[in-house]
Amino acid sequence: ESAGVALVNATRESMRMADMVEGM
């Protein structure tokens, strides 16, 4: 319902992917 909050959520999840790739 709040674009700003949702985009922060998606950014945090995207950083999880980046951390996984860095570990790989």
PDB file of all heavy atoms in Angstrom:
ATOM      1  N   GLU A   1       0.818  -1.206   0.000  1.00  0.00           N
ATOM      2  CA  GLU A   1       0.000   0.000   0.000  1.00  0.00           C
ATOM      3  C   GLU A   1       0.857   1.263   0.000  1.00  0.00           C
ATOM      4  O   GLU A   1       0.374   2.343  -0.316  1.00  0.00           O
ATOM      5  CB  GLU A   1      -0.920   0.002   1.220  1.00  0.00           C
ATOM      6  CG  GLU A   1      -1.947  -1.124   1.208  1.00  0.00           C
ATOM      7  CD  GLU A   1      -2.853  -1.082   2.417  1.00  0.00           C
ATOM      8  OE1 GLU A   1      -2.752  -0.101   3.193  1.00  0.00           O
ATOM      9  OE2 GLU A   1      -3.663  -2.009   2.594  1.00  0.00           O
ATOM     10  N   SER A   2       2.112   1.139   0.396  1.00  0.00           N
ATOM     11  CA  SER A   2       3.041   2.276   0.413  1.00  0.00           C
ATOM     12  C   SER A   2       4.221   1.953  -0.481  1.00  0.00           C
ATOM     13  O   SER A   2       5.028   1.069  -0.170  1.00  0.00           O
ATOM     14  CB  SER A   2       3.515   2.568   1.841  1.00  0.00           C
ATOM     15  OG  SER A   2       4.576   3.498   1.837  1.00  0.00           O
ATOM     16  N   ALA A   3       4.323   2.656  -1.619  1.00  0.00           N
ATOM     17  CA  ALA A   3       5.375   2.349  -2.588  1.00  0.00           C
ATOM     18  C   ALA A   3       6.766   2.495  -1.977  1.00  0.00           C
ATOM     19  O   ALA A   3       7.652   1.672  -2.222  1.00  0.00           O
ATOM     20  CB  ALA A   3       5.242   3.266  -3.801  1.00  0.00           C
ATOM     21  N   GLY A   4       6.967   3.540  -1.166  1.00  0.00           N
ATOM     22  CA  GLY A   4       8.281   3.764  -0.574  1.00  0.00           C
ATOM     23  C   GLY A   4       8.712   2.608   0.300  1.00  0.00           C
ATOM     24  O   GLY A   4       9.861   2.139   0.229  1.00  0.00           O
ATOM     25  N   VAL A   5       7.805   2.110   1.129  1.00  0.00           N
ATOM     26  CA  VAL A   5       8.125   0.994   2.015  1.00  0.00           C
ATOM     27  C   VAL A   5       8.369  -0.269   1.205  1.00  0.00           C
ATOM     28  O   VAL A   5       9.326  -1.013   1.449  1.00  0.00           O
ATOM     29  CB  VAL A   5       6.986   0.769   3.028  1.00  0.00           C
ATOM     30  CG1 VAL A   5       7.294  -0.405   3.935  1.00  0.00           C
ATOM     31  CG2 VAL A   5       6.766   2.019   3.866  1.00  0.00           C
ATOM     32  N   ALA A   6       7.513  -0.535   0.236  1.00  0.00           N
ATOM     33  CA  ALA A   6       7.642  -1.751  -0.572  1.00  0.00           C
ATOM     34  C   ALA A   6       8.956  -1.769  -1.343  1.00  0.00           C
ATOM     35  O   ALA A   6       9.601  -2.824  -1.476  1.00  0.00           O
ATOM     36  CB  ALA A   6       6.463  -1.862  -1.538  1.00  0.00           C
ATOM     37  N   LEU A   7       9.389  -0.624  -1.852  1.00  0.00           N
ATOM     38  CA  LEU A   7      10.658  -0.566  -2.592  1.00  0.00           C
ATOM     39  C   LEU A   7      11.840  -0.817  -1.667  1.00  0.00           C
ATOM     40  O   LEU A   7      12.832  -1.439  -2.080  1.00  0.00           O
ATOM     41  CB  LEU A   7      10.792   0.786  -3.286  1.00  0.00           C
ATOM     42  CG  LEU A   7       9.836   1.013  -4.465  1.00  0.00           C
ATOM     43  CD1 LEU A   7       9.934   2.434  -4.978  1.00  0.00           C
ATOM     44  CD2 LEU A   7      10.121   0.025  -5.600  1.00  0.00           C
ATOM     45  N   VAL A   8      11.762  -0.341  -0.428  1.00  0.00           N
ATOM     46  CA  VAL A   8      12.814  -0.659   0.548  1.00  0.00           C
ATOM     47  C   VAL A   8      12.837  -2.161   0.814  1.00  0.00           C
ATOM     48  O   VAL A   8      13.907  -2.779   0.897  1.00  0.00           O
ATOM     49  CB  VAL A   8      12.604   0.127   1.859  1.00  0.00           C
ATOM     50  CG1 VAL A   8      13.544  -0.372   2.945  1.00  0.00           C
ATOM     51  CG2 VAL A   8      12.835   1.613   1.625  1.00  0.00           C
ATOM     52  N   ASN A   9      11.663  -2.776   0.932  1.00  0.00           N
ATOM     53  CA  ASN A   9      11.594  -4.222   1.134  1.00  0.00           C
ATOM     54  C   ASN A   9      12.253  -4.970  -0.023  1.00  0.00           C
ATOM     55  O   ASN A   9      13.028  -5.908   0.186  1.00  0.00           O
ATOM     56  CB  ASN A   9      10.135  -4.662   1.255  1.00  0.00           C
ATOM     57  CG  ASN A   9       9.468  -4.142   2.509  1.00  0.00           C
ATOM     58  OD1 ASN A   9      10.126  -3.612   3.393  1.00  0.00           O
ATOM     59  ND2 ASN A   9       8.158  -4.291   2.584  1.00  0.00           N
ATOM     60  N   ALA A  10      11.914  -4.566  -1.249  1.00  0.00           N
ATOM     61  CA  ALA A  10      12.493  -5.226  -2.426  1.00  0.00           C
ATOM     62  C   ALA A  10      14.000  -5.010  -2.489  1.00  0.00           C
ATOM     63  O   ALA A  10      14.754  -5.913  -2.895  1.00  0.00           O
ATOM     64  CB  ALA A  10      11.820  -4.695  -3.695  1.00  0.00           C
ATOM     65  N   THR A  11      14.454  -3.828  -2.081  1.00  0.00           N
ATOM     66  CA  THR A  11      15.900  -3.557  -2.064  1.00  0.00           C
ATOM     67  C   THR A  11      16.606  -4.474  -1.076  1.00  0.00           C
ATOM     68  O   THR A  11      17.676  -5.025  -1.368  1.00  0.00           O
ATOM     69  CB  THR A  11      16.154  -2.082  -1.692  1.00  0.00           C
ATOM     70  OG1 THR A  11      15.548  -1.241  -2.662  1.00  0.00           O
ATOM     71  CG2 THR A  11      17.643  -1.790  -1.629  1.00  0.00           C
ATOM     72  N   ARG A  12      16.027  -4.629   0.118  1.00  0.00           N
ATOM     73  CA  ARG A  12      16.617  -5.509   1.125  1.00  0.00           C
ATOM     74  C   ARG A  12      16.699  -6.949   0.615  1.00  0.00           C
ATOM     75  O   ARG A  12      17.716  -7.631   0.809  1.00  0.00           O
ATOM     76  CB  ARG A  12      15.770  -5.460   2.394  1.00  0.00           C
ATOM     77  CG  ARG A  12      15.795  -4.125   3.113  1.00  0.00           C
ATOM     78  CD  ARG A  12      16.926  -4.018   4.086  1.00  0.00           C
ATOM     79  NE  ARG A  12      16.756  -4.969   5.177  1.00  0.00           N
ATOM     80  CZ  ARG A  12      17.674  -5.196   6.108  1.00  0.00           C
ATOM     81  NH1 ARG A  12      18.801  -4.553   6.065  1.00  0.00           N
ATOM     82  NH2 ARG A  12      17.465  -6.063   7.070  1.00  0.00           N
ATOM     83  N   GLU A  13      15.648  -7.405  -0.049  1.00  0.00           N
ATOM     84  CA  GLU A  13      15.662  -8.778  -0.564  1.00  0.00           C
ATOM     85  C   GLU A  13      16.676  -8.914  -1.691  1.00  0.00           C
ATOM     86  O   GLU A  13      17.336  -9.953  -1.820  1.00  0.00           O
ATOM     87  CB  GLU A  13      14.266  -9.145  -1.050  1.00  0.00           C
ATOM     88  CG  GLU A  13      13.969 -10.626  -1.044  1.00  0.00           C
ATOM     89  CD  GLU A  13      13.919 -11.200   0.360  1.00  0.00           C
ATOM     90  OE1 GLU A  13      13.048 -10.802   1.150  1.00  0.00           O
ATOM     91  OE2 GLU A  13      14.775 -12.068   0.661  1.00  0.00           O
ATOM     92  N   SER A  14      16.814  -7.876  -2.507  1.00  0.00           N
ATOM     93  CA  SER A  14      17.803  -7.896  -3.590  1.00  0.00           C
ATOM     94  C   SER A  14      19.221  -7.970  -3.031  1.00  0.00           C
ATOM     95  O   SER A  14      20.103  -8.626  -3.602  1.00  0.00           O
ATOM     96  CB  SER A  14      17.647  -6.654  -4.467  1.00  0.00           C
ATOM     97  OG  SER A  14      16.361  -6.569  -5.020  1.00  0.00           O
ATOM     98  N   MET A  15      19.448  -7.287  -1.904  1.00  0.00           N
ATOM     99  CA  MET A  15      20.769  -7.347  -1.282  1.00  0.00           C
ATOM    100  C   MET A  15      21.061  -8.751  -0.740  1.00  0.00           C
ATOM    101  O   MET A  15      22.217  -9.173  -0.684  1.00  0.00           O
ATOM    102  CB  MET A  15      20.866  -6.316  -0.159  1.00  0.00           C
ATOM    103  CG  MET A  15      21.038  -4.898  -0.648  1.00  0.00           C
ATOM    104  SD  MET A  15      22.458  -4.731  -1.770  1.00  0.00           S
ATOM    105  CE  MET A  15      23.795  -5.302  -0.729  1.00  0.00           C
ATOM    106  N   ARG A  16      20.025  -9.486  -0.340  1.00  0.00           N
ATOM    107  CA  ARG A  16      20.236 -10.888   0.036  1.00  0.00           C
ATOM    108  C   ARG A  16      20.784 -11.671  -1.155  1.00  0.00           C
ATOM    109  O   ARG A  16      21.690 -12.511  -1.012  1.00  0.00           O
ATOM    110  CB  ARG A  16      18.925 -11.524   0.490  1.00  0.00           C
ATOM    111  CG  ARG A  16      18.511 -11.210   1.917  1.00  0.00           C
ATOM    112  CD  ARG A  16      17.334 -12.089   2.320  1.00  0.00           C
ATOM    113  NE  ARG A  16      17.706 -13.476   2.385  1.00  0.00           N
ATOM    114  CZ  ARG A  16      16.885 -14.502   2.150  1.00  0.00           C
ATOM    115  NH1 ARG A  16      15.641 -14.278   1.780  1.00  0.00           N
ATOM    116  NH2 ARG A  16      17.309 -15.740   2.255  1.00  0.00           N
ATOM    117  N   MET A  17      20.230 -11.401  -2.345  1.00  0.00           N
ATOM    118  CA  MET A  17      20.728 -12.075  -3.541  1.00  0.00           C
ATOM    119  C   MET A  17      22.179 -11.702  -3.803  1.00  0.00           C
ATOM    120  O   MET A  17      23.004 -12.564  -4.140  1.00  0.00           O
ATOM    121  CB  MET A  17      19.862 -11.707  -4.745  1.00  0.00           C
ATOM    122  CG  MET A  17      18.438 -12.218  -4.688  1.00  0.00           C
ATOM    123  SD  MET A  17      17.503 -11.820  -6.203  1.00  0.00           S
ATOM    124  CE  MET A  17      18.384 -12.796  -7.426  1.00  0.00           C
ATOM    125  N   ALA A  18      22.503 -10.413  -3.635  1.00  0.00           N
ATOM    126  CA  ALA A  18      23.887  -9.974  -3.861  1.00  0.00           C
ATOM    127  C   ALA A  18      24.830 -10.639  -2.869  1.00  0.00           C
ATOM    128  O   ALA A  18      25.953 -11.039  -3.228  1.00  0.00           O
ATOM    129  CB  ALA A  18      23.970  -8.454  -3.743  1.00  0.00           C
ATOM    130  N   ASP A  19      24.393 -10.768  -1.616  1.00  0.00           N
ATOM    131  CA  ASP A  19      25.237 -11.436  -0.612  1.00  0.00           C
ATOM    132  C   ASP A  19      25.464 -12.902  -0.982  1.00  0.00           C
ATOM    133  O   ASP A  19      26.565 -13.440  -0.795  1.00  0.00           O
ATOM    134  CB  ASP A  19      24.586 -11.343   0.771  1.00  0.00           C
ATOM    135  CG  ASP A  19      24.586  -9.930   1.326  1.00  0.00           C
ATOM    136  OD1 ASP A  19      25.380  -9.105   0.837  1.00  0.00           O
ATOM    137  OD2 ASP A  19      23.782  -9.643   2.234  1.00  0.00           O
ATOM    138  N   MET A  20      24.411 -13.549  -1.495  1.00  0.00           N
ATOM    139  CA  MET A  20      24.551 -14.953  -1.901  1.00  0.00           C
ATOM    140  C   MET A  20      25.533 -15.101  -3.058  1.00  0.00           C
ATOM    141  O   MET A  20      26.370 -16.014  -3.074  1.00  0.00           O
ATOM    142  CB  MET A  20      23.183 -15.518  -2.265  1.00  0.00           C
ATOM    143  CG  MET A  20      22.251 -15.668  -1.064  1.00  0.00           C
ATOM    144  SD  MET A  20      20.517 -15.995  -1.526  1.00  0.00           S
ATOM    145  CE  MET A  20      20.666 -17.628  -2.240  1.00  0.00           C
ATOM    146  N   VAL A  21      25.439 -14.190  -4.023  1.00  0.00           N
ATOM    147  CA  VAL A  21      26.357 -14.241  -5.167  1.00  0.00           C
ATOM    148  C   VAL A  21      27.782 -13.965  -4.726  1.00  0.00           C
ATOM    149  O   VAL A  21      28.733 -14.615  -5.189  1.00  0.00           O
ATOM    150  CB  VAL A  21      25.897 -13.237  -6.245  1.00  0.00           C
ATOM    151  CG1 VAL A  21      27.043 -12.916  -7.195  1.00  0.00           C
ATOM    152  CG2 VAL A  21      24.723 -13.796  -7.024  1.00  0.00           C
ATOM    153  N   GLU A  22      27.942 -13.004  -3.804  1.00  0.00           N
ATOM    154  CA  GLU A  22      29.288 -12.727  -3.291  1.00  0.00           C
ATOM    155  C   GLU A  22      29.870 -13.968  -2.610  1.00  0.00           C
ATOM    156  O   GLU A  22      31.054 -14.283  -2.780  1.00  0.00           O
ATOM    157  CB  GLU A  22      29.239 -11.562  -2.307  1.00  0.00           C
ATOM    158  CG  GLU A  22      30.619 -11.127  -1.825  1.00  0.00           C
ATOM    159  CD  GLU A  22      30.555  -9.914  -0.920  1.00  0.00           C
ATOM    160  OE1 GLU A  22      29.452  -9.556  -0.468  1.00  0.00           O
ATOM    161  OE2 GLU A  22      31.622  -9.324  -0.648  1.00  0.00           O
ATOM    162  N   GLY A  23      29.043 -14.686  -1.849  1.00  0.00           N
ATOM    163  CA  GLY A  23      29.511 -15.923  -1.224  1.00  0.00           C
ATOM    164  C   GLY A  23      29.870 -16.988  -2.244  1.00  0.00           C
ATOM    165  O   GLY A  23      30.804 -17.769  -2.030  1.00  0.00           O
ATOM    166  N   MET A  24      29.128 -17.042  -3.354  1.00  0.00           N
ATOM    167  CA  MET A  24      29.428 -18.013  -4.408  1.00  0.00           C
ATOM    168  C   MET A  24      30.758 -17.699  -5.094  1.00  0.00           C
ATOM    169  O   MET A  24      31.511 -18.608  -5.462  1.00  0.00           O
ATOM    170  CB  MET A  24      28.300 -18.026  -5.439  1.00  0.00           C
ATOM    171  CG  MET A  24      26.975 -18.555  -4.902  1.00  0.00           C
ATOM    172  SD  MET A  24      25.572 -18.257  -6.030  1.00  0.00           S
ATOM    173  CE  MET A  24      25.960 -19.366  -7.375  1.00  0.00           C
TER     174      MET A  24
END
